[in-house]
Amino acid sequence: MMMKGAGFEVIDLGVDVTSEKFVEKAKAAGAQLVGISALLTTTMPKMEKTIKDLKSAGLKVKVMIGGAPVTQNYADKSWR
């Protein structure tokens, strides 16, 4: 809602989304920014996989992560 309010076009993929789906949609939309949120610590490793897969696919996108368990230290990891 905040991103839409700031003028961004938002494509909501929903919950429990595979990294392959993120890559597919980012390519199709010509995305410049991909946002990923986790509500549980158990889902945070999927963020890492998604970021690695976006890079492996050759996509030059900024990735914004967030959610209840995400810390600044986690966001600053080198896999970003």
PDB file of N, CA and C in Angstrom:
ATOM      1  N   MET A   1       0.825  -1.176   0.000  1.00  0.00           N
ATOM      2  CA  MET A   1       0.000   0.000   0.000  1.00  0.00           C
ATOM      3  C   MET A   1       0.881   1.255   0.000  1.00  0.00           C
ATOM      4  N   MET A   2       1.945   1.230   0.792  1.00  0.00           N
ATOM      5  CA  MET A   2       2.829   2.398   0.853  1.00  0.00           C
ATOM      6  C   MET A   2       3.568   2.608  -0.464  1.00  0.00           C
ATOM      7  N   MET A   3       3.983   1.521  -1.084  1.00  0.00           N
ATOM      8  CA  MET A   3       4.691   1.635  -2.358  1.00  0.00           C
ATOM      9  C   MET A   3       3.754   2.164  -3.448  1.00  0.00           C
ATOM     10  N   LYS A   4       2.536   1.652  -3.478  1.00  0.00           N
ATOM     11  CA  LYS A   4       1.558   2.162  -4.449  1.00  0.00           C
ATOM     12  C   LYS A   4       1.305   3.642  -4.225  1.00  0.00           C
ATOM     13  N   GLY A   5       1.170   4.017  -2.957  1.00  0.00           N
ATOM     14  CA  GLY A   5       0.940   5.415  -2.618  1.00  0.00           C
ATOM     15  C   GLY A   5       2.090   6.319  -3.036  1.00  0.00           C
ATOM     16  N   ALA A   6       3.294   5.755  -3.133  1.00  0.00           N
ATOM     17  CA  ALA A   6       4.470   6.519  -3.548  1.00  0.00           C
ATOM     18  C   ALA A   6       4.631   6.526  -5.066  1.00  0.00           C
ATOM     19  N   GLY A   7       3.688   5.904  -5.778  1.00  0.00           N
ATOM     20  CA  GLY A   7       3.710   5.949  -7.234  1.00  0.00           C
ATOM     21  C   GLY A   7       4.343   4.745  -7.908  1.00  0.00           C
ATOM     22  N   PHE A   8       4.700   3.715  -7.129  1.00  0.00           N
ATOM     23  CA  PHE A   8       5.269   2.509  -7.722  1.00  0.00           C
ATOM     24  C   PHE A   8       4.165   1.625  -8.285  1.00  0.00           C
ATOM     25  N   GLU A   9       4.459   0.947  -9.386  1.00  0.00           N
ATOM     26  CA  GLU A   9       3.564  -0.090  -9.888  1.00  0.00           C
ATOM     27  C   GLU A   9       3.909  -1.356  -9.098  1.00  0.00           C
ATOM     28  N   VAL A  10       2.940  -1.923  -8.427  1.00  0.00           N
ATOM     29  CA  VAL A  10       3.173  -3.072  -7.560  1.00  0.00           C
ATOM     30  C   VAL A  10       2.502  -4.310  -8.148  1.00  0.00           C
ATOM     31  N   ILE A  11       3.261  -5.388  -8.240  1.00  0.00           N
ATOM     32  CA  ILE A  11       2.725  -6.675  -8.656  1.00  0.00           C
ATOM     33  C   ILE A  11       2.834  -7.591  -7.442  1.00  0.00           C
ATOM     34  N   ASP A  12       1.714  -7.886  -6.826  1.00  0.00           N
ATOM     35  CA  ASP A  12       1.684  -8.704  -5.611  1.00  0.00           C
ATOM     36  C   ASP A  12       1.592 -10.172  -6.015  1.00  0.00           C
ATOM     37  N   LEU A  13       2.634 -10.934  -5.697  1.00  0.00           N
ATOM     38  CA  LEU A  13       2.651 -12.358  -6.044  1.00  0.00           C
ATOM     39  C   LEU A  13       1.995 -13.223  -4.978  1.00  0.00           C
ATOM     40  N   GLY A  14       1.639 -12.638  -3.852  1.00  0.00           N
ATOM     41  CA  GLY A  14       0.965 -13.399  -2.809  1.00  0.00           C
ATOM     42  C   GLY A  14       1.934 -14.014  -1.827  1.00  0.00           C
ATOM     43  N   VAL A  15       1.526 -15.134  -1.251  1.00  0.00           N
ATOM     44  CA  VAL A  15       2.330 -15.800  -0.215  1.00  0.00           C
ATOM     45  C   VAL A  15       2.880 -17.122  -0.730  1.00  0.00           C
ATOM     46  N   ASP A  16       3.940 -17.593  -0.080  1.00  0.00           N
ATOM     47  CA  ASP A  16       4.557 -18.880  -0.408  1.00  0.00           C
ATOM     48  C   ASP A  16       4.939 -18.949  -1.891  1.00  0.00           C
ATOM     49  N   VAL A  17       5.692 -17.953  -2.327  1.00  0.00           N
ATOM     50  CA  VAL A  17       6.068 -17.809  -3.734  1.00  0.00           C
ATOM     51  C   VAL A  17       7.469 -18.387  -3.952  1.00  0.00           C
ATOM     52  N   THR A  18       7.637 -19.169  -4.986  1.00  0.00           N
ATOM     53  CA  THR A  18       8.943 -19.762  -5.294  1.00  0.00           C
ATOM     54  C   THR A  18       9.874 -18.711  -5.886  1.00  0.00           C
ATOM     55  N   SER A  19      11.165 -18.967  -5.779  1.00  0.00           N
ATOM     56  CA  SER A  19      12.136 -18.044  -6.372  1.00  0.00           C
ATOM     57  C   SER A  19      11.974 -18.008  -7.889  1.00  0.00           C
ATOM     58  N   GLU A  20      11.613 -19.133  -8.462  1.00  0.00           N
ATOM     59  CA  GLU A  20      11.395 -19.197  -9.915  1.00  0.00           C
ATOM     60  C   GLU A  20      10.268 -18.247 -10.340  1.00  0.00           C
ATOM     61  N   LYS A  21       9.240 -18.153  -9.531  1.00  0.00           N
ATOM     62  CA  LYS A  21       8.118 -17.255  -9.837  1.00  0.00           C
ATOM     63  C   LYS A  21       8.568 -15.793  -9.751  1.00  0.00           C
ATOM     64  N   PHE A  22       9.405 -15.479  -8.745  1.00  0.00           N
ATOM     65  CA  PHE A  22       9.942 -14.121  -8.645  1.00  0.00           C
ATOM     66  C   PHE A  22      10.742 -13.774  -9.900  1.00  0.00           C
ATOM     67  N   VAL A  23      11.598 -14.688 -10.332  1.00  0.00           N
ATOM     68  CA  VAL A  23      12.426 -14.459 -11.518  1.00  0.00           C
ATOM     69  C   VAL A  23      11.542 -14.280 -12.746  1.00  0.00           C
ATOM     70  N   GLU A  24      10.589 -15.164 -12.921  1.00  0.00           N
ATOM     71  CA  GLU A  24       9.684 -15.112 -14.078  1.00  0.00           C
ATOM     72  C   GLU A  24       8.946 -13.776 -14.140  1.00  0.00           C
ATOM     73  N   LYS A  25       8.371 -13.356 -13.037  1.00  0.00           N
ATOM     74  CA  LYS A  25       7.578 -12.120 -13.019  1.00  0.00           C
ATOM     75  C   LYS A  25       8.460 -10.884 -13.153  1.00  0.00           C
ATOM     76  N   ALA A  26       9.645 -10.916 -12.535  1.00  0.00           N
ATOM     77  CA  ALA A  26      10.560  -9.775 -12.647  1.00  0.00           C
ATOM     78  C   ALA A  26      10.998  -9.580 -14.094  1.00  0.00           C
ATOM     79  N   LYS A  27      11.295 -10.684 -14.775  1.00  0.00           N
ATOM     80  CA  LYS A  27      11.667 -10.609 -16.198  1.00  0.00           C
ATOM     81  C   LYS A  27      10.518 -10.072 -17.028  1.00  0.00           C
ATOM     82  N   ALA A  28       9.333 -10.642 -16.838  1.00  0.00           N
ATOM     83  CA  ALA A  28       8.166 -10.266 -17.642  1.00  0.00           C
ATOM     84  C   ALA A  28       7.787  -8.795 -17.446  1.00  0.00           C
ATOM     85  N   ALA A  29       7.948  -8.298 -16.230  1.00  0.00           N
ATOM     86  CA  ALA A  29       7.549  -6.922 -15.930  1.00  0.00           C
ATOM     87  C   ALA A  29       8.663  -5.920 -16.186  1.00  0.00           C
ATOM     88  N   GLY A  30       9.882  -6.405 -16.432  1.00  0.00           N
ATOM     89  CA  GLY A  30      11.005  -5.486 -16.568  1.00  0.00           C
ATOM     90  C   GLY A  30      11.266  -4.756 -15.258  1.00  0.00           C
ATOM     91  N   ALA A  31      11.136  -5.480 -14.176  1.00  0.00           N
ATOM     92  CA  ALA A  31      11.230  -4.882 -12.837  1.00  0.00           C
ATOM     93  C   ALA A  31      12.594  -4.249 -12.581  1.00  0.00           C
ATOM     94  N   GLN A  32      12.576  -3.161 -11.846  1.00  0.00           N
ATOM     95  CA  GLN A  32      13.799  -2.516 -11.381  1.00  0.00           C
ATOM     96  C   GLN A  32      14.000  -2.763  -9.888  1.00  0.00           C
ATOM     97  N   LEU A  33      12.916  -3.110  -9.200  1.00  0.00           N
ATOM     98  CA  LEU A  33      12.938  -3.334  -7.760  1.00  0.00           C
ATOM     99  C   LEU A  33      12.080  -4.548  -7.444  1.00  0.00           C
ATOM    100  N   VAL A  34      12.607  -5.432  -6.587  1.00  0.00           N
ATOM    101  CA  VAL A  34      11.851  -6.597  -6.129  1.00  0.00           C
ATOM    102  C   VAL A  34      11.790  -6.518  -4.613  1.00  0.00           C
ATOM    103  N   GLY A  35      10.595  -6.610  -4.058  1.00  0.00           N
ATOM    104  CA  GLY A  35      10.411  -6.582  -2.608  1.00  0.00           C
ATOM    105  C   GLY A  35      10.025  -7.961  -2.117  1.00  0.00           C
ATOM    106  N   ILE A  36      10.674  -8.383  -1.031  1.00  0.00           N
ATOM    107  CA  ILE A  36      10.398  -9.706  -0.447  1.00  0.00           C
ATOM    108  C   ILE A  36      10.200  -9.521   1.048  1.00  0.00           C
ATOM    109  N   SER A  37       9.174 -10.156   1.589  1.00  0.00           N
ATOM    110  CA  SER A  37       8.899 -10.060   3.015  1.00  0.00           C
ATOM    111  C   SER A  37       8.780 -11.449   3.623  1.00  0.00           C
ATOM    112  N   ALA A  38       9.263 -11.588   4.859  1.00  0.00           N
ATOM    113  CA  ALA A  38       9.145 -12.849   5.603  1.00  0.00           C
ATOM    114  C   ALA A  38       8.500 -12.556   6.950  1.00  0.00           C
ATOM    115  N   LEU A  39       7.601 -13.408   7.359  1.00  0.00           N
ATOM    116  CA  LEU A  39       6.981 -13.247   8.668  1.00  0.00           C
ATOM    117  C   LEU A  39       7.534 -14.223   9.695  1.00  0.00           C
ATOM    118  N   LEU A  40       8.259 -15.245   9.230  1.00  0.00           N
ATOM    119  CA  LEU A  40       8.837 -16.242  10.126  1.00  0.00           C
ATOM    120  C   LEU A  40      10.319 -16.418   9.794  1.00  0.00           C
ATOM    121  N   THR A  41      11.124 -16.703  10.805  1.00  0.00           N
ATOM    122  CA  THR A  41      12.555 -16.923  10.566  1.00  0.00           C
ATOM    123  C   THR A  41      12.787 -18.137   9.681  1.00  0.00           C
ATOM    124  N   THR A  42      11.877 -19.085   9.701  1.00  0.00           N
ATOM    125  CA  THR A  42      12.044 -20.300   8.897  1.00  0.00           C
ATOM    126  C   THR A  42      11.955 -20.016   7.400  1.00  0.00           C
ATOM    127  N   THR A  43      11.365 -18.891   7.022  1.00  0.00           N
ATOM    128  CA  THR A  43      11.239 -18.567   5.589  1.00  0.00           C
ATOM    129  C   THR A  43      12.367 -17.670   5.095  1.00  0.00           C
ATOM    130  N   MET A  44      13.194 -17.176   5.998  1.00  0.00           N
ATOM    131  CA  MET A  44      14.266 -16.259   5.597  1.00  0.00           C
ATOM    132  C   MET A  44      15.287 -16.877   4.640  1.00  0.00           C
ATOM    133  N   PRO A  45      15.650 -18.159   4.775  1.00  0.00           N
ATOM    134  CA  PRO A  45      16.580 -18.741   3.789  1.00  0.00           C
ATOM    135  C   PRO A  45      16.035 -18.690   2.355  1.00  0.00           C
ATOM    136  N   LYS A  46      14.726 -18.658   2.195  1.00  0.00           N
ATOM    137  CA  LYS A  46      14.129 -18.546   0.859  1.00  0.00           C
ATOM    138  C   LYS A  46      14.428 -17.183   0.244  1.00  0.00           C
ATOM    139  N   MET A  47      14.591 -16.164   1.100  1.00  0.00           N
ATOM    140  CA  MET A  47      14.974 -14.841   0.590  1.00  0.00           C
ATOM    141  C   MET A  47      16.351 -14.935  -0.068  1.00  0.00           C
ATOM    142  N   GLU A  48      17.273 -15.590   0.622  1.00  0.00           N
ATOM    143  CA  GLU A  48      18.624 -15.749   0.084  1.00  0.00           C
ATOM    144  C   GLU A  48      18.594 -16.465  -1.257  1.00  0.00           C
ATOM    145  N   LYS A  49      17.820 -17.544  -1.345  1.00  0.00           N
ATOM    146  CA  LYS A  49      17.713 -18.302  -2.595  1.00  0.00           C
ATOM    147  C   LYS A  49      17.123 -17.428  -3.706  1.00  0.00           C
ATOM    148  N   THR A  50      16.109 -16.674  -3.379  1.00  0.00           N
ATOM    149  CA  THR A  50      15.474 -15.818  -4.385  1.00  0.00           C
ATOM    150  C   THR A  50      16.444 -14.769  -4.904  1.00  0.00           C
ATOM    151  N   ILE A  51      17.209 -14.150  -4.014  1.00  0.00           N
ATOM    152  CA  ILE A  51      18.175 -13.137  -4.435  1.00  0.00           C
ATOM    153  C   ILE A  51      19.254 -13.761  -5.314  1.00  0.00           C
ATOM    154  N   LYS A  52      19.747 -14.920  -4.919  1.00  0.00           N
ATOM    155  CA  LYS A  52      20.759 -15.617  -5.724  1.00  0.00           C
ATOM    156  C   LYS A  52      20.202 -15.990  -7.092  1.00  0.00           C
ATOM    157  N   ASP A  53      18.948 -16.449  -7.126  1.00  0.00           N
ATOM    158  CA  ASP A  53      18.334 -16.835  -8.397  1.00  0.00           C
ATOM    159  C   ASP A  53      18.102 -15.622  -9.302  1.00  0.00           C
ATOM    160  N   LEU A  54      17.744 -14.473  -8.715  1.00  0.00           N
ATOM    161  CA  LEU A  54      17.584 -13.256  -9.511  1.00  0.00           C
ATOM    162  C   LEU A  54      18.918 -12.875 -10.157  1.00  0.00           C
ATOM    163  N   LYS A  55      19.987 -12.963  -9.377  1.00  0.00           N
ATOM    164  CA  LYS A  55      21.317 -12.659  -9.904  1.00  0.00           C
ATOM    165  C   LYS A  55      21.730 -13.663 -10.971  1.00  0.00           C
ATOM    166  N   SER A  56      21.490 -14.943 -10.711  1.00  0.00           N
ATOM    167  CA  SER A  56      21.856 -15.998 -11.671  1.00  0.00           C
ATOM    168  C   SER A  56      21.118 -15.841 -12.996  1.00  0.00           C
ATOM    169  N   ALA A  57      19.914 -15.296 -12.926  1.00  0.00           N
ATOM    170  CA  ALA A  57      19.123 -15.088 -14.143  1.00  0.00           C
ATOM    171  C   ALA A  57      19.588 -13.850 -14.911  1.00  0.00           C
ATOM    172  N   GLY A  58      20.573 -13.142 -14.355  1.00  0.00           N
ATOM    173  CA  GLY A  58      21.100 -11.966 -15.035  1.00  0.00           C
ATOM    174  C   GLY A  58      20.281 -10.707 -14.838  1.00  0.00           C
ATOM    175  N   LEU A  59      19.344 -10.747 -13.903  1.00  0.00           N
ATOM    176  CA  LEU A  59      18.507  -9.573 -13.663  1.00  0.00           C
ATOM    177  C   LEU A  59      19.259  -8.554 -12.817  1.00  0.00           C
ATOM    178  N   LYS A  60      19.259  -7.331 -13.259  1.00  0.00           N
ATOM    179  CA  LYS A  60      19.904  -6.234 -12.535  1.00  0.00           C
ATOM    180  C   LYS A  60      18.829  -5.458 -11.786  1.00  0.00           C
ATOM    181  N   VAL A  61      18.334  -6.043 -10.721  1.00  0.00           N
ATOM    182  CA  VAL A  61      17.269  -5.418  -9.938  1.00  0.00           C
ATOM    183  C   VAL A  61      17.770  -5.108  -8.536  1.00  0.00           C
ATOM    184  N   LYS A  62      17.225  -4.077  -7.950  1.00  0.00           N
ATOM    185  CA  LYS A  62      17.432  -3.803  -6.538  1.00  0.00           C
ATOM    186  C   LYS A  62      16.475  -4.710  -5.785  1.00  0.00           C
ATOM    187  N   VAL A  63      16.916  -5.220  -4.643  1.00  0.00           N
ATOM    188  CA  VAL A  63      16.060  -6.087  -3.843  1.00  0.00           C
ATOM    189  C   VAL A  63      15.871  -5.450  -2.478  1.00  0.00           C
ATOM    190  N   MET A  64      14.616  -5.323  -2.089  1.00  0.00           N
ATOM    191  CA  MET A  64      14.260  -4.759  -0.794  1.00  0.00           C
ATOM    192  C   MET A  64      13.643  -5.882   0.033  1.00  0.00           C
ATOM    193  N   ILE A  65      14.232  -6.161   1.206  1.00  0.00           N
ATOM    194  CA  ILE A  65      13.671  -7.215   2.043  1.00  0.00           C
ATOM    195  C   ILE A  65      13.165  -6.621   3.347  1.00  0.00           C
ATOM    196  N   GLY A  66      12.215  -7.310   3.935  1.00  0.00           N
ATOM    197  CA  GLY A  66      11.653  -6.850   5.194  1.00  0.00           C
ATOM    198  C   GLY A  66      10.813  -7.932   5.831  1.00  0.00           C
ATOM    199  N   GLY A  67      10.167  -7.568   6.901  1.00  0.00           N
ATOM    200  CA  GLY A  67       9.325  -8.499   7.632  1.00  0.00           C
ATOM    201  C   GLY A  67       9.736  -8.553   9.092  1.00  0.00           C
ATOM    202  N   ALA A  68       8.892  -9.145   9.892  1.00  0.00           N
ATOM    203  CA  ALA A  68       9.082  -9.164  11.344  1.00  0.00           C
ATOM    204  C   ALA A  68      10.452  -9.682  11.793  1.00  0.00           C
ATOM    205  N   PRO A  69      10.965 -10.792  11.256  1.00  0.00           N
ATOM    206  CA  PRO A  69      12.236 -11.312  11.778  1.00  0.00           C
ATOM    207  C   PRO A  69      13.486 -10.717  11.137  1.00  0.00           C
ATOM    208  N   VAL A  70      13.341  -9.870  10.127  1.00  0.00           N
ATOM    209  CA  VAL A  70      14.483  -9.366   9.370  1.00  0.00           C
ATOM    210  C   VAL A  70      15.156  -8.219  10.125  1.00  0.00           C
ATOM    211  N   THR A  71      16.467  -8.346  10.304  1.00  0.00           N
ATOM    212  CA  THR A  71      17.256  -7.306  10.961  1.00  0.00           C
ATOM    213  C   THR A  71      18.137  -6.602   9.931  1.00  0.00           C
ATOM    214  N   GLN A  72      18.691  -5.470  10.313  1.00  0.00           N
ATOM    215  CA  GLN A  72      19.617  -4.768   9.421  1.00  0.00           C
ATOM    216  C   GLN A  72      20.835  -5.631   9.140  1.00  0.00           C
ATOM    217  N   ASN A  73      21.317  -6.333  10.147  1.00  0.00           N
ATOM    218  CA  ASN A  73      22.474  -7.215   9.981  1.00  0.00           C
ATOM    219  C   ASN A  73      22.193  -8.286   8.922  1.00  0.00           C
ATOM    220  N   TYR A  74      21.015  -8.861   8.964  1.00  0.00           N
ATOM    221  CA  TYR A  74      20.632  -9.872   7.980  1.00  0.00           C
ATOM    222  C   TYR A  74      20.567  -9.251   6.585  1.00  0.00           C
ATOM    223  N   ALA A  75      19.995  -8.069   6.485  1.00  0.00           N
ATOM    224  CA  ALA A  75      19.857  -7.402   5.186  1.00  0.00           C
ATOM    225  C   ALA A  75      21.215  -7.014   4.593  1.00  0.00           C
ATOM    226  N   ASP A  76      22.197  -6.806   5.448  1.00  0.00           N
ATOM    227  CA  ASP A  76      23.529  -6.396   4.988  1.00  0.00           C
ATOM    228  C   ASP A  76      24.419  -7.568   4.570  1.00  0.00           C
ATOM    229  N   LYS A  77      23.927  -8.788   4.636  1.00  0.00           N
ATOM    230  CA  LYS A  77      24.752  -9.958   4.292  1.00  0.00           C
ATOM    231  C   LYS A  77      25.320  -9.838   2.880  1.00  0.00           C
ATOM    232  N   SER A  78      26.432 -10.495   2.675  1.00  0.00           N
ATOM    233  CA  SER A  78      27.143 -10.389   1.409  1.00  0.00           C
ATOM    234  C   SER A  78      26.399 -11.008   0.227  1.00  0.00           C
ATOM    235  N   TRP A  79      25.463 -11.911   0.454  1.00  0.00           N
ATOM    236  CA  TRP A  79      24.730 -12.523  -0.656  1.00  0.00           C
ATOM    237  C   TRP A  79      23.856 -11.514  -1.361  1.00  0.00           C
ATOM    238  N   ARG A  80      23.666 -10.376  -0.771  1.00  0.00           N
ATOM    239  CA  ARG A  80      22.863  -9.338  -1.402  1.00  0.00           C
ATOM    240  C   ARG A  80      23.663  -8.793  -2.523  1.00  0.00           C
TER     241      ARG A  80
END
